[in-house]
C-alpha cells in the first residue's frame, strides 16, 4: 500500500520500513531549553535517535509542528545543541512518546552525532 506524505512530498510503502536511516536505541538525557523560542527547562528520556531525528519520553505534551531547542547529553562527555520539530505524539508502554525531526542542523553537529552513533554500532 502506498501513502503520500504532503509534509515532505514522498510516497511511502507502508509495509516496509519508511526511515531512510536507522534509529538506535539510546538511553541518554535530553535537556529542553526552549519551546517555540520561549525559555524553559525540562529533562526527557531519550528512547531512540538517528542522524535525522529523535524519540523521547515526555511528561509534557507537545503539538505537532512545535519547535524545541534541546541539548542531547551523550554519556556525560559529549553534548550537542539541536533544534527539533515535533512530528508525532503517541503512547509507549503507558508513557507519552514524542517523535521529532532535526531541523537546521549545522554540519559540525551532524558529524558529531554521526560519530557518536557509529561508535554505538561498534558496541553491539
PDB file of N, CA and C in Angstrom:
ATOM      1  N   UNK A   1       0.846  -1.173   0.000  1.00  0.00           N
ATOM      2  CA  UNK A   1       0.000   0.000   0.000  1.00  0.00           C
ATOM      3  C   UNK A   1       0.897   1.244   0.000  1.00  0.00           C
ATOM      4  N   UNK A   2       0.620   2.168  -0.889  1.00  0.00           N
ATOM      5  CA  UNK A   2       1.395   3.409  -0.992  1.00  0.00           C
ATOM      6  C   UNK A   2       0.652   4.534  -0.268  1.00  0.00           C
ATOM      7  N   UNK A   3       1.427   5.350   0.476  1.00  0.00           N
ATOM      8  CA  UNK A   3       0.874   6.503   1.172  1.00  0.00           C
ATOM      9  C   UNK A   3       1.718   7.709   0.807  1.00  0.00           C
ATOM     10  N   UNK A   4       1.056   8.810   0.441  1.00  0.00           N
ATOM     11  CA  UNK A   4       1.771  10.036   0.083  1.00  0.00           C
ATOM     12  C   UNK A   4       1.821  10.966   1.286  1.00  0.00           C
ATOM     13  N   UNK A   5       3.005  11.529   1.558  1.00  0.00           N
ATOM     14  CA  UNK A   5       3.177  12.494   2.638  1.00  0.00           C
ATOM     15  C   UNK A   5       3.196  13.895   2.051  1.00  0.00           C
ATOM     16  N   UNK A   6       2.229  14.713   2.441  1.00  0.00           N
ATOM     17  CA  UNK A   6       2.201  16.106   1.999  1.00  0.00           C
ATOM     18  C   UNK A   6       3.335  16.890   2.637  1.00  0.00           C
ATOM     19  N   UNK A   7       3.743  16.493   3.869  1.00  0.00           N
ATOM     20  CA  UNK A   7       4.768  17.228   4.597  1.00  0.00           C
ATOM     21  C   UNK A   7       6.093  17.240   3.850  1.00  0.00           C
ATOM     22  N   UNK A   8       6.510  16.076   3.341  1.00  0.00           N
ATOM     23  CA  UNK A   8       7.814  16.051   2.677  1.00  0.00           C
ATOM     24  C   UNK A   8       7.745  15.622   1.216  1.00  0.00           C
ATOM     25  N   UNK A   9       6.540  15.384   0.695  1.00  0.00           N
ATOM     26  CA  UNK A   9       6.377  15.087  -0.712  1.00  0.00           C
ATOM     27  C   UNK A   9       6.773  13.687  -1.139  1.00  0.00           C
ATOM     28  N   UNK A  10       7.005  12.782  -0.183  1.00  0.00           N
ATOM     29  CA  UNK A  10       7.414  11.424  -0.511  1.00  0.00           C
ATOM     30  C   UNK A  10       6.230  10.472  -0.523  1.00  0.00           C
ATOM     31  N   UNK A  11       6.378   9.411  -1.297  1.00  0.00           N
ATOM     32  CA  UNK A  11       5.437   8.298  -1.246  1.00  0.00           C
ATOM     33  C   UNK A  11       6.079   7.181  -0.437  1.00  0.00           C
ATOM     34  N   UNK A  12       5.317   6.600   0.482  1.00  0.00           N
ATOM     35  CA  UNK A  12       5.845   5.539   1.340  1.00  0.00           C
ATOM     36  C   UNK A  12       5.123   4.231   1.064  1.00  0.00           C
ATOM     37  N   UNK A  13       5.874   3.146   1.097  1.00  0.00           N
ATOM     38  CA  UNK A  13       5.303   1.813   1.073  1.00  0.00           C
ATOM     39  C   UNK A  13       5.134   1.430   2.537  1.00  0.00           C
ATOM     40  N   UNK A  14       3.910   1.418   3.054  1.00  0.00           N
ATOM     41  CA  UNK A  14       3.689   1.256   4.491  1.00  0.00           C
ATOM     42  C   UNK A  14       3.994  -0.149   4.992  1.00  0.00           C
ATOM     43  N   UNK A  15       4.197  -1.107   4.104  1.00  0.00           N
ATOM     44  CA  UNK A  15       4.557  -2.449   4.547  1.00  0.00           C
ATOM     45  C   UNK A  15       6.050  -2.599   4.767  1.00  0.00           C
ATOM     46  N   UNK A  16       6.830  -1.596   4.405  1.00  0.00           N
ATOM     47  CA  UNK A  16       8.277  -1.633   4.579  1.00  0.00           C
ATOM     48  C   UNK A  16       8.690  -0.513   5.524  1.00  0.00           C
ATOM     49  N   UNK A  17       9.914  -0.618   6.045  1.00  0.00           N
ATOM     50  CA  UNK A  17      10.456   0.448   6.885  1.00  0.00           C
ATOM     51  C   UNK A  17      10.512   1.721   6.070  1.00  0.00           C
ATOM     52  N   UNK A  18       9.977   2.809   6.611  1.00  0.00           N
ATOM     53  CA  UNK A  18       9.935   4.053   5.855  1.00  0.00           C
ATOM     54  C   UNK A  18      11.080   4.989   6.166  1.00  0.00           C
ATOM     55  N   UNK A  19      11.867   4.701   7.183  1.00  0.00           N
ATOM     56  CA  UNK A  19      13.002   5.567   7.504  1.00  0.00           C
ATOM     57  C   UNK A  19      14.157   5.267   6.564  1.00  0.00           C
ATOM     58  N   UNK A  20      14.816   6.332   6.119  1.00  0.00           N
ATOM     59  CA  UNK A  20      15.936   6.145   5.216  1.00  0.00           C
ATOM     60  C   UNK A  20      17.245   5.919   5.968  1.00  0.00           C
ATOM     61  N   UNK A  21      17.247   6.217   7.272  1.00  0.00           N
ATOM     62  CA  UNK A  21      18.434   5.964   8.104  1.00  0.00           C
ATOM     63  C   UNK A  21      17.995   5.205   9.349  1.00  0.00           C
ATOM     64  N   UNK A  22      18.833   4.308   9.850  1.00  0.00           N
ATOM     65  CA  UNK A  22      18.440   3.531  11.019  1.00  0.00           C
ATOM     66  C   UNK A  22      18.412   4.368  12.292  1.00  0.00           C
ATOM     67  N   UNK A  23      17.534   3.975  13.207  1.00  0.00           N
ATOM     68  CA  UNK A  23      17.488   4.582  14.539  1.00  0.00           C
ATOM     69  C   UNK A  23      18.125   3.615  15.500  1.00  0.00           C
ATOM     70  N   UNK A  24      18.796   4.173  16.509  1.00  0.00           N
ATOM     71  CA  UNK A  24      19.471   3.366  17.506  1.00  0.00           C
ATOM     72  C   UNK A  24      18.884   3.659  18.865  1.00  0.00           C
ATOM     73  N   UNK A  25      18.751   2.611  19.644  1.00  0.00           N
ATOM     74  CA  UNK A  25      18.265   2.754  20.998  1.00  0.00           C
ATOM     75  C   UNK A  25      19.352   3.429  21.832  1.00  0.00           C
ATOM     76  N   UNK A  26      19.019   4.527  22.461  1.00  0.00           N
ATOM     77  CA  UNK A  26      19.973   5.256  23.301  1.00  0.00           C
ATOM     78  C   UNK A  26      19.248   5.673  24.570  1.00  0.00           C
ATOM     79  N   UNK A  27      19.853   5.467  25.697  1.00  0.00           N
ATOM     80  CA  UNK A  27      19.263   5.871  26.976  1.00  0.00           C
ATOM     81  C   UNK A  27      20.024   7.064  27.520  1.00  0.00           C
ATOM     82  N   UNK A  28      20.013   8.147  26.784  1.00  0.00           N
ATOM     83  CA  UNK A  28      20.696   9.355  27.190  1.00  0.00           C
ATOM     84  C   UNK A  28      19.674  10.389  27.636  1.00  0.00           C
ATOM     85  N   UNK A  29      20.155  11.471  28.180  1.00  0.00           N
ATOM     86  CA  UNK A  29      19.286  12.531  28.678  1.00  0.00           C
ATOM     87  C   UNK A  29      19.173  13.640  27.644  1.00  0.00           C
ATOM     88  N   UNK A  30      17.975  14.184  27.524  1.00  0.00           N
ATOM     89  CA  UNK A  30      17.731  15.334  26.659  1.00  0.00           C
ATOM     90  C   UNK A  30      17.275  16.472  27.553  1.00  0.00           C
ATOM     91  N   UNK A  31      17.922  17.602  27.422  1.00  0.00           N
ATOM     92  CA  UNK A  31      17.542  18.782  28.184  1.00  0.00           C
ATOM     93  C   UNK A  31      16.901  19.769  27.229  1.00  0.00           C
ATOM     94  N   UNK A  32      15.662  20.137  27.481  1.00  0.00           N
ATOM     95  CA  UNK A  32      14.968  21.111  26.633  1.00  0.00           C
ATOM     96  C   UNK A  32      15.197  22.497  27.221  1.00  0.00           C
ATOM     97  N   UNK A  33      15.695  23.424  26.391  1.00  0.00           N
ATOM     98  CA  UNK A  33      15.990  24.764  26.884  1.00  0.00           C
ATOM     99  C   UNK A  33      15.068  25.841  26.307  1.00  0.00           C
ATOM    100  N   UNK A  34      14.288  25.500  25.269  1.00  0.00           N
ATOM    101  CA  UNK A  34      13.324  26.459  24.721  1.00  0.00           C
ATOM    102  C   UNK A  34      12.254  25.714  23.936  1.00  0.00           C
ATOM    103  N   UNK A  35      11.038  26.213  24.034  1.00  0.00           N
ATOM    104  CA  UNK A  35       9.905  25.688  23.263  1.00  0.00           C
ATOM    105  C   UNK A  35       9.345  26.857  22.471  1.00  0.00           C
ATOM    106  N   UNK A  36       9.371  26.748  21.148  1.00  0.00           N
ATOM    107  CA  UNK A  36       8.911  27.837  20.282  1.00  0.00           C
ATOM    108  C   UNK A  36       9.499  29.174  20.730  1.00  0.00           C
ATOM    109  N   UNK A  37      10.803  29.182  21.010  1.00  0.00           N
ATOM    110  CA  UNK A  37      11.592  30.355  21.416  1.00  0.00           C
ATOM    111  C   UNK A  37      11.334  30.833  22.847  1.00  0.00           C
ATOM    112  N   UNK A  38      10.438  30.185  23.585  1.00  0.00           N
ATOM    113  CA  UNK A  38      10.205  30.528  24.996  1.00  0.00           C
ATOM    114  C   UNK A  38      11.141  29.686  25.854  1.00  0.00           C
ATOM    115  N   UNK A  39      11.926  30.339  26.718  1.00  0.00           N
ATOM    116  CA  UNK A  39      12.871  29.603  27.558  1.00  0.00           C
ATOM    117  C   UNK A  39      12.139  28.669  28.517  1.00  0.00           C
ATOM    118  N   UNK A  40      12.761  27.531  28.781  1.00  0.00           N
ATOM    119  CA  UNK A  40      12.165  26.540  29.668  1.00  0.00           C
ATOM    120  C   UNK A  40      13.266  25.633  30.198  1.00  0.00           C
ATOM    121  N   UNK A  41      12.894  24.682  31.028  1.00  0.00           N
ATOM    122  CA  UNK A  41      13.830  23.653  31.459  1.00  0.00           C
ATOM    123  C   UNK A  41      13.045  22.367  31.705  1.00  0.00           C
ATOM    124  N   UNK A  42      13.250  21.389  30.854  1.00  0.00           N
ATOM    125  CA  UNK A  42      12.673  20.062  31.015  1.00  0.00           C
ATOM    126  C   UNK A  42      13.765  19.038  30.748  1.00  0.00           C
ATOM    127  N   UNK A  43      13.678  17.920  31.416  1.00  0.00           N
ATOM    128  CA  UNK A  43      14.556  16.789  31.124  1.00  0.00           C
ATOM    129  C   UNK A  43      13.696  15.679  30.550  1.00  0.00           C
ATOM    130  N   UNK A  44      14.172  15.063  29.466  1.00  0.00           N
ATOM    131  CA  UNK A  44      13.467  13.970  28.824  1.00  0.00           C
ATOM    132  C   UNK A  44      14.357  12.745  28.785  1.00  0.00           C
ATOM    133  N   UNK A  45      13.735  11.588  28.665  1.00  0.00           N
ATOM    134  CA  UNK A  45      14.456  10.324  28.495  1.00  0.00           C
ATOM    135  C   UNK A  45      14.468   9.972  27.019  1.00  0.00           C
ATOM    136  N   UNK A  46      15.643   9.886  26.437  1.00  0.00           N
ATOM    137  CA  UNK A  46      15.780   9.506  25.035  1.00  0.00           C
ATOM    138  C   UNK A  46      15.418   8.028  24.876  1.00  0.00           C
ATOM    139  N   UNK A  47      14.644   7.707  23.846  1.00  0.00           N
ATOM    140  CA  UNK A  47      14.298   6.318  23.526  1.00  0.00           C
ATOM    141  C   UNK A  47      15.122   5.840  22.339  1.00  0.00           C
ATOM    142  N   UNK A  48      15.161   6.669  21.283  1.00  0.00           N
ATOM    143  CA  UNK A  48      15.959   6.320  20.116  1.00  0.00           C
ATOM    144  C   UNK A  48      16.392   7.588  19.398  1.00  0.00           C
ATOM    145  N   UNK A  49      17.428   7.426  18.570  1.00  0.00           N
ATOM    146  CA  UNK A  49      17.981   8.587  17.882  1.00  0.00           C
ATOM    147  C   UNK A  49      18.607   8.131  16.561  1.00  0.00           C
ATOM    148  N   UNK A  50      18.578   9.017  15.588  1.00  0.00           N
ATOM    149  CA  UNK A  50      19.262   8.793  14.311  1.00  0.00           C
ATOM    150  C   UNK A  50      19.879  10.117  13.902  1.00  0.00           C
ATOM    151  N   UNK A  51      20.475  10.159  12.739  1.00  0.00           N
ATOM    152  CA  UNK A  51      21.014  11.429  12.260  1.00  0.00           C
ATOM    153  C   UNK A  51      19.919  12.361  11.766  1.00  0.00           C
ATOM    154  N   UNK A  52      18.679  11.865  11.674  1.00  0.00           N
ATOM    155  CA  UNK A  52      17.577  12.694  11.198  1.00  0.00           C
ATOM    156  C   UNK A  52      16.571  13.079  12.267  1.00  0.00           C
ATOM    157  N   UNK A  53      16.551  12.349  13.391  1.00  0.00           N
ATOM    158  CA  UNK A  53      15.552  12.667  14.398  1.00  0.00           C
ATOM    159  C   UNK A  53      15.762  11.928  15.698  1.00  0.00           C
ATOM    160  N   UNK A  54      14.821  12.162  16.613  1.00  0.00           N
ATOM    161  CA  UNK A  54      14.945  11.610  17.958  1.00  0.00           C
ATOM    162  C   UNK A  54      13.560  11.279  18.504  1.00  0.00           C
ATOM    163  N   UNK A  55      13.493  10.227  19.306  1.00  0.00           N
ATOM    164  CA  UNK A  55      12.271   9.871  20.007  1.00  0.00           C
ATOM    165  C   UNK A  55      12.547   9.909  21.495  1.00  0.00           C
ATOM    166  N   UNK A  56      11.609  10.479  22.259  1.00  0.00           N
ATOM    167  CA  UNK A  56      11.834  10.597  23.692  1.00  0.00           C
ATOM    168  C   UNK A  56      10.526  10.515  24.475  1.00  0.00           C
ATOM    169  N   UNK A  57      10.657  10.225  25.765  1.00  0.00           N
ATOM    170  CA  UNK A  57       9.521  10.173  26.678  1.00  0.00           C
ATOM    171  C   UNK A  57       9.406  11.536  27.353  1.00  0.00           C
ATOM    172  N   UNK A  58       8.188  12.050  27.424  1.00  0.00           N
ATOM    173  CA  UNK A  58       7.960  13.377  27.987  1.00  0.00           C
ATOM    174  C   UNK A  58       6.781  13.355  28.957  1.00  0.00           C
ATOM    175  N   UNK A  59       6.863  14.164  29.988  1.00  0.00           N
ATOM    176  CA  UNK A  59       5.731  14.376  30.885  1.00  0.00           C
ATOM    177  C   UNK A  59       4.786  15.426  30.297  1.00  0.00           C
ATOM    178  N   UNK A  60       5.308  16.229  29.389  1.00  0.00           N
ATOM    179  CA  UNK A  60       4.563  17.334  28.791  1.00  0.00           C
ATOM    180  C   UNK A  60       4.203  16.984  27.357  1.00  0.00           C
ATOM    181  N   UNK A  61       2.970  17.260  26.980  1.00  0.00           N
ATOM    182  CA  UNK A  61       2.543  17.018  25.600  1.00  0.00           C
ATOM    183  C   UNK A  61       2.912  18.221  24.728  1.00  0.00           C
ATOM    184  N   UNK A  62       3.294  17.938  23.499  1.00  0.00           N
ATOM    185  CA  UNK A  62       3.620  18.976  22.536  1.00  0.00           C
ATOM    186  C   UNK A  62       2.709  18.828  21.328  1.00  0.00           C
ATOM    187  N   UNK A  63       2.493  19.934  20.624  1.00  0.00           N
ATOM    188  CA  UNK A  63       1.710  19.895  19.395  1.00  0.00           C
ATOM    189  C   UNK A  63       2.625  19.581  18.228  1.00  0.00           C
ATOM    190  N   UNK A  64       2.083  18.878  17.238  1.00  0.00           N
ATOM    191  CA  UNK A  64       2.843  18.673  16.009  1.00  0.00           C
ATOM    192  C   UNK A  64       3.201  20.036  15.451  1.00  0.00           C
ATOM    193  N   UNK A  65       4.456  20.173  15.035  1.00  0.00           N
ATOM    194  CA  UNK A  65       4.916  21.443  14.493  1.00  0.00           C
ATOM    195  C   UNK A  65       5.617  22.328  15.503  1.00  0.00           C
ATOM    196  N   UNK A  66       5.502  22.012  16.817  1.00  0.00           N
ATOM    197  CA  UNK A  66       6.246  22.784  17.819  1.00  0.00           C
ATOM    198  C   UNK A  66       7.742  22.630  17.573  1.00  0.00           C
ATOM    199  N   UNK A  67       8.495  23.684  17.860  1.00  0.00           N
ATOM    200  CA  UNK A  67       9.948  23.655  17.764  1.00  0.00           C
ATOM    201  C   UNK A  67      10.528  23.678  19.163  1.00  0.00           C
ATOM    202  N   UNK A  68      11.496  22.795  19.406  1.00  0.00           N
ATOM    203  CA  UNK A  68      12.182  22.739  20.689  1.00  0.00           C
ATOM    204  C   UNK A  68      13.674  22.884  20.456  1.00  0.00           C
ATOM    205  N   UNK A  69      14.325  23.655  21.302  1.00  0.00           N
ATOM    206  CA  UNK A  69      15.786  23.685  21.325  1.00  0.00           C
ATOM    207  C   UNK A  69      16.192  22.729  22.432  1.00  0.00           C
ATOM    208  N   UNK A  70      16.978  21.743  22.074  1.00  0.00           N
ATOM    209  CA  UNK A  70      17.358  20.715  23.036  1.00  0.00           C
ATOM    210  C   UNK A  70      18.866  20.535  23.069  1.00  0.00           C
ATOM    211  N   UNK A  71      19.331  20.023  24.188  1.00  0.00           N
ATOM    212  CA  UNK A  71      20.723  19.601  24.321  1.00  0.00           C
ATOM    213  C   UNK A  71      20.686  18.110  24.607  1.00  0.00           C
ATOM    214  N   UNK A  72      21.282  17.335  23.729  1.00  0.00           N
ATOM    215  CA  UNK A  72      21.359  15.891  23.932  1.00  0.00           C
ATOM    216  C   UNK A  72      22.694  15.619  24.619  1.00  0.00           C
ATOM    217  N   UNK A  73      22.626  14.990  25.799  1.00  0.00           N
ATOM    218  CA  UNK A  73      23.817  14.707  26.607  1.00  0.00           C
ATOM    219  C   UNK A  73      24.170  13.240  26.436  1.00  0.00           C
ATOM    220  N   UNK A  74      25.240  12.957  25.713  1.00  0.00           N
ATOM    221  CA  UNK A  74      25.685  11.591  25.465  1.00  0.00           C
ATOM    222  C   UNK A  74      26.694  11.177  26.527  1.00  0.00           C
ATOM    223  N   UNK A  75      26.360  10.179  27.302  1.00  0.00           N
ATOM    224  CA  UNK A  75      27.298   9.574  28.252  1.00  0.00           C
ATOM    225  C   UNK A  75      28.073  10.598  29.085  1.00  0.00           C
ATOM    226  N   UNK A  76      27.491  11.717  29.399  1.00  0.00           N
ATOM    227  CA  UNK A  76      28.068  12.762  30.254  1.00  0.00           C
ATOM    228  C   UNK A  76      29.371  13.358  29.726  1.00  0.00           C
ATOM    229  N   UNK A  77      29.778  12.985  28.513  1.00  0.00           N
ATOM    230  CA  UNK A  77      31.036  13.517  27.996  1.00  0.00           C
ATOM    231  C   UNK A  77      30.864  14.343  26.723  1.00  0.00           C
ATOM    232  N   UNK A  78      29.786  14.111  25.998  1.00  0.00           N
ATOM    233  CA  UNK A  78      29.531  14.820  24.739  1.00  0.00           C
ATOM    234  C   UNK A  78      28.123  15.381  24.788  1.00  0.00           C
ATOM    235  N   UNK A  79      27.966  16.631  24.397  1.00  0.00           N
ATOM    236  CA  UNK A  79      26.626  17.210  24.296  1.00  0.00           C
ATOM    237  C   UNK A  79      26.513  17.964  22.975  1.00  0.00           C
ATOM    238  N   UNK A  80      25.301  17.944  22.418  1.00  0.00           N
ATOM    239  CA  UNK A  80      25.043  18.635  21.153  1.00  0.00           C
ATOM    240  C   UNK A  80      23.756  19.436  21.320  1.00  0.00           C
ATOM    241  N   UNK A  81      23.791  20.725  20.969  1.00  0.00           N
ATOM    242  CA  UNK A  81      22.593  21.545  20.999  1.00  0.00           C
ATOM    243  C   UNK A  81      21.946  21.493  19.619  1.00  0.00           C
ATOM    244  N   UNK A  82      20.652  21.166  19.582  1.00  0.00           N
ATOM    245  CA  UNK A  82      19.943  20.955  18.324  1.00  0.00           C
ATOM    246  C   UNK A  82      18.551  21.577  18.372  1.00  0.00           C
ATOM    247  N   UNK A  83      18.012  21.855  17.205  1.00  0.00           N
ATOM    248  CA  UNK A  83      16.630  22.294  17.059  1.00  0.00           C
ATOM    249  C   UNK A  83      15.844  21.117  16.493  1.00  0.00           C
ATOM    250  N   UNK A  84      14.677  20.838  17.094  1.00  0.00           N
ATOM    251  CA  UNK A  84      13.831  19.754  16.602  1.00  0.00           C
ATOM    252  C   UNK A  84      12.417  20.276  16.353  1.00  0.00           C
ATOM    253  N   UNK A  85      11.717  19.598  15.440  1.00  0.00           N
ATOM    254  CA  UNK A  85      10.307  19.876  15.175  1.00  0.00           C
ATOM    255  C   UNK A  85       9.522  18.620  15.532  1.00  0.00           C
ATOM    256  N   UNK A  86       8.484  18.778  16.336  1.00  0.00           N
ATOM    257  CA  UNK A  86       7.662  17.647  16.762  1.00  0.00           C
ATOM    258  C   UNK A  86       6.865  17.138  15.563  1.00  0.00           C
ATOM    259  N   UNK A  87       6.942  15.816  15.328  1.00  0.00           N
ATOM    260  CA  UNK A  87       6.207  15.222  14.211  1.00  0.00           C
ATOM    261  C   UNK A  87       5.151  14.224  14.670  1.00  0.00           C
ATOM    262  N   UNK A  88       5.253  13.737  15.936  1.00  0.00           N
ATOM    263  CA  UNK A  88       4.194  12.840  16.407  1.00  0.00           C
ATOM    264  C   UNK A  88       4.212  12.701  17.921  1.00  0.00           C
ATOM    265  N   UNK A  89       3.032  12.373  18.445  1.00  0.00           N
ATOM    266  CA  UNK A  89       2.818  12.039  19.847  1.00  0.00           C
ATOM    267  C   UNK A  89       2.113  10.696  19.880  1.00  0.00           C
ATOM    268  N   UNK A  90       2.533   9.815  20.756  1.00  0.00           N
ATOM    269  CA  UNK A  90       1.832   8.540  20.906  1.00  0.00           C
ATOM    270  C   UNK A  90       2.090   8.007  22.308  1.00  0.00           C
ATOM    271  N   UNK A  91       1.442   6.914  22.644  1.00  0.00           N
ATOM    272  CA  UNK A  91       1.627   6.281  23.942  1.00  0.00           C
ATOM    273  C   UNK A  91       2.526   5.061  23.749  1.00  0.00           C
ATOM    274  N   UNK A  92       3.580   4.967  24.547  1.00  0.00           N
ATOM    275  CA  UNK A  92       4.525   3.859  24.509  1.00  0.00           C
ATOM    276  C   UNK A  92       4.658   3.319  25.924  1.00  0.00           C
ATOM    277  N   UNK A  93       4.210   2.096  26.144  1.00  0.00           N
ATOM    278  CA  UNK A  93       4.263   1.483  27.478  1.00  0.00           C
ATOM    279  C   UNK A  93       3.620   2.378  28.535  1.00  0.00           C
ATOM    280  N   UNK A  94       2.502   2.997  28.184  1.00  0.00           N
ATOM    281  CA  UNK A  94       1.767   3.830  29.122  1.00  0.00           C
ATOM    282  C   UNK A  94       2.351   5.214  29.347  1.00  0.00           C
ATOM    283  N   UNK A  95       3.386   5.570  28.584  1.00  0.00           N
ATOM    284  CA  UNK A  95       4.010   6.885  28.727  1.00  0.00           C
ATOM    285  C   UNK A  95       3.926   7.642  27.409  1.00  0.00           C
ATOM    286  N   UNK A  96       3.998   8.960  27.485  1.00  0.00           N
ATOM    287  CA  UNK A  96       3.897   9.806  26.300  1.00  0.00           C
ATOM    288  C   UNK A  96       5.206   9.792  25.521  1.00  0.00           C
ATOM    289  N   UNK A  97       5.146   9.287  24.294  1.00  0.00           N
ATOM    290  CA  UNK A  97       6.304   9.225  23.406  1.00  0.00           C
ATOM    291  C   UNK A  97       6.192  10.346  22.392  1.00  0.00           C
ATOM    292  N   UNK A  98       7.286  11.090  22.223  1.00  0.00           N
ATOM    293  CA  UNK A  98       7.347  12.199  21.268  1.00  0.00           C
ATOM    294  C   UNK A  98       8.362  11.856  20.192  1.00  0.00           C
ATOM    295  N   UNK A  99       7.967  12.004  18.938  1.00  0.00           N
ATOM    296  CA  UNK A  99       8.877  11.827  17.811  1.00  0.00           C
ATOM    297  C   UNK A  99       9.185  13.187  17.213  1.00  0.00           C
ATOM    298  N   UNK A 100      10.459  13.471  16.982  1.00  0.00           N
ATOM    299  CA  UNK A 100      10.855  14.784  16.470  1.00  0.00           C
ATOM    300  C   UNK A 100      11.939  14.627  15.414  1.00  0.00           C
ATOM    301  N   UNK A 101      11.944  15.556  14.453  1.00  0.00           N
ATOM    302  CA  UNK A 101      12.982  15.560  13.426  1.00  0.00           C
ATOM    303  C   UNK A 101      13.910  16.745  13.661  1.00  0.00           C
ATOM    304  N   UNK A 102      15.177  16.557  13.345  1.00  0.00           N
ATOM    305  CA  UNK A 102      16.149  17.639  13.464  1.00  0.00           C
ATOM    306  C   UNK A 102      15.939  18.625  12.321  1.00  0.00           C
ATOM    307  N   UNK A 103      16.039  19.908  12.624  1.00  0.00           N
ATOM    308  CA  UNK A 103      15.929  20.944  11.592  1.00  0.00           C
ATOM    309  C   UNK A 103      17.116  21.893  11.717  1.00  0.00           C
ATOM    310  N   UNK A 104      17.635  22.323  10.581  1.00  0.00           N
ATOM    311  CA  UNK A 104      18.716  23.292  10.556  1.00  0.00           C
ATOM    312  C   UNK A 104      19.965  22.861  11.307  1.00  0.00           C
ATOM    313  N   UNK A 105      20.287  21.572  11.251  1.00  0.00           N
ATOM    314  CA  UNK A 105      21.450  21.085  11.987  1.00  0.00           C
ATOM    315  C   UNK A 105      22.741  21.514  11.291  1.00  0.00           C
ATOM    316  N   UNK A 106      23.635  22.195  12.021  1.00  0.00           N
ATOM    317  CA  UNK A 106      24.933  22.530  11.427  1.00  0.00           C
ATOM    318  C   UNK A 106      25.710  21.262  11.080  1.00  0.00           C
ATOM    319  N   UNK A 107      26.517  21.329  10.038  1.00  0.00           N
ATOM    320  CA  UNK A 107      27.262  20.143   9.608  1.00  0.00           C
ATOM    321  C   UNK A 107      28.203  19.639  10.701  1.00  0.00           C
ATOM    322  N   UNK A 108      28.726  20.540  11.528  1.00  0.00           N
ATOM    323  CA  UNK A 108      29.608  20.103  12.615  1.00  0.00           C
ATOM    324  C   UNK A 108      28.848  19.241  13.627  1.00  0.00           C
ATOM    325  N   UNK A 109      27.607  19.629  13.946  1.00  0.00           N
ATOM    326  CA  UNK A 109      26.796  18.817  14.865  1.00  0.00           C
ATOM    327  C   UNK A 109      26.408  17.487  14.228  1.00  0.00           C
ATOM    328  N   UNK A 110      26.137  17.516  12.913  1.00  0.00           N
ATOM    329  CA  UNK A 110      25.819  16.271  12.211  1.00  0.00           C
ATOM    330  C   UNK A 110      26.988  15.296  12.313  1.00  0.00           C
ATOM    331  N   UNK A 111      28.196  15.795  12.106  1.00  0.00           N
ATOM    332  CA  UNK A 111      29.384  14.925  12.162  1.00  0.00           C
ATOM    333  C   UNK A 111      29.594  14.365  13.566  1.00  0.00           C
ATOM    334  N   UNK A 112      29.375  15.179  14.595  1.00  0.00           N
ATOM    335  CA  UNK A 112      29.487  14.689  15.975  1.00  0.00           C
ATOM    336  C   UNK A 112      28.447  13.614  16.229  1.00  0.00           C
ATOM    337  N   UNK A 113      27.196  13.878  15.843  1.00  0.00           N
ATOM    338  CA  UNK A 113      26.117  12.909  16.050  1.00  0.00           C
ATOM    339  C   UNK A 113      26.410  11.610  15.311  1.00  0.00           C
ATOM    340  N   UNK A 114      26.835  11.717  14.067  1.00  0.00           N
ATOM    341  CA  UNK A 114      27.148  10.527  13.280  1.00  0.00           C
ATOM    342  C   UNK A 114      28.275   9.727  13.939  1.00  0.00           C
ATOM    343  N   UNK A 115      29.295  10.410  14.445  1.00  0.00           N
ATOM    344  CA  UNK A 115      30.400   9.728  15.130  1.00  0.00           C
ATOM    345  C   UNK A 115      29.926   9.003  16.378  1.00  0.00           C
ATOM    346  N   UNK A 116      29.057   9.646  17.145  1.00  0.00           N
ATOM    347  CA  UNK A 116      28.522   9.015  18.358  1.00  0.00           C
ATOM    348  C   UNK A 116      27.726   7.764  17.979  1.00  0.00           C
ATOM    349  N   UNK A 117      26.881   7.863  16.962  1.00  0.00           N
ATOM    350  CA  UNK A 117      26.061   6.719  16.558  1.00  0.00           C
ATOM    351  C   UNK A 117      26.917   5.613  15.960  1.00  0.00           C
ATOM    352  N   UNK A 118      27.935   5.958  15.193  1.00  0.00           N
ATOM    353  CA  UNK A 118      28.837   4.938  14.650  1.00  0.00           C
ATOM    354  C   UNK A 118      29.555   4.216  15.788  1.00  0.00           C
ATOM    355  N   UNK A 119      29.940   4.950  16.822  1.00  0.00           N
ATOM    356  CA  UNK A 119      30.562   4.337  17.994  1.00  0.00           C
ATOM    357  C   UNK A 119      29.628   3.394  18.701  1.00  0.00           C
ATOM    358  N   UNK A 120      28.332   3.744  18.690  1.00  0.00           N
ATOM    359  CA  UNK A 120      27.320   2.870  19.293  1.00  0.00           C
ATOM    360  C   UNK A 120      27.243   1.544  18.536  1.00  0.00           C
ATOM    361  N   UNK A 121      27.370   1.615  17.224  1.00  0.00           N
ATOM    362  CA  UNK A 121      27.315   0.394  16.422  1.00  0.00           C
ATOM    363  C   UNK A 121      28.469  -0.547  16.760  1.00  0.00           C
ATOM    364  N   UNK A 122      29.629   0.003  17.059  1.00  0.00           N
ATOM    365  CA  UNK A 122      30.797  -0.824  17.381  1.00  0.00           C
ATOM    366  C   UNK A 122      30.609  -1.633  18.666  1.00  0.00           C
ATOM    367  N   UNK A 123      29.694  -1.190  19.544  1.00  0.00           N
ATOM    368  CA  UNK A 123      29.488  -1.843  20.824  1.00  0.00           C
ATOM    369  C   UNK A 123      28.443  -2.960  20.782  1.00  0.00           C
ATOM    370  N   UNK A 124      27.823  -3.172  19.632  1.00  0.00           N
ATOM    371  CA  UNK A 124      26.771  -4.207  19.545  1.00  0.00           C
ATOM    372  C   UNK A 124      27.386  -5.563  19.393  1.00  0.00           C
TER     373      UNK A 124
END
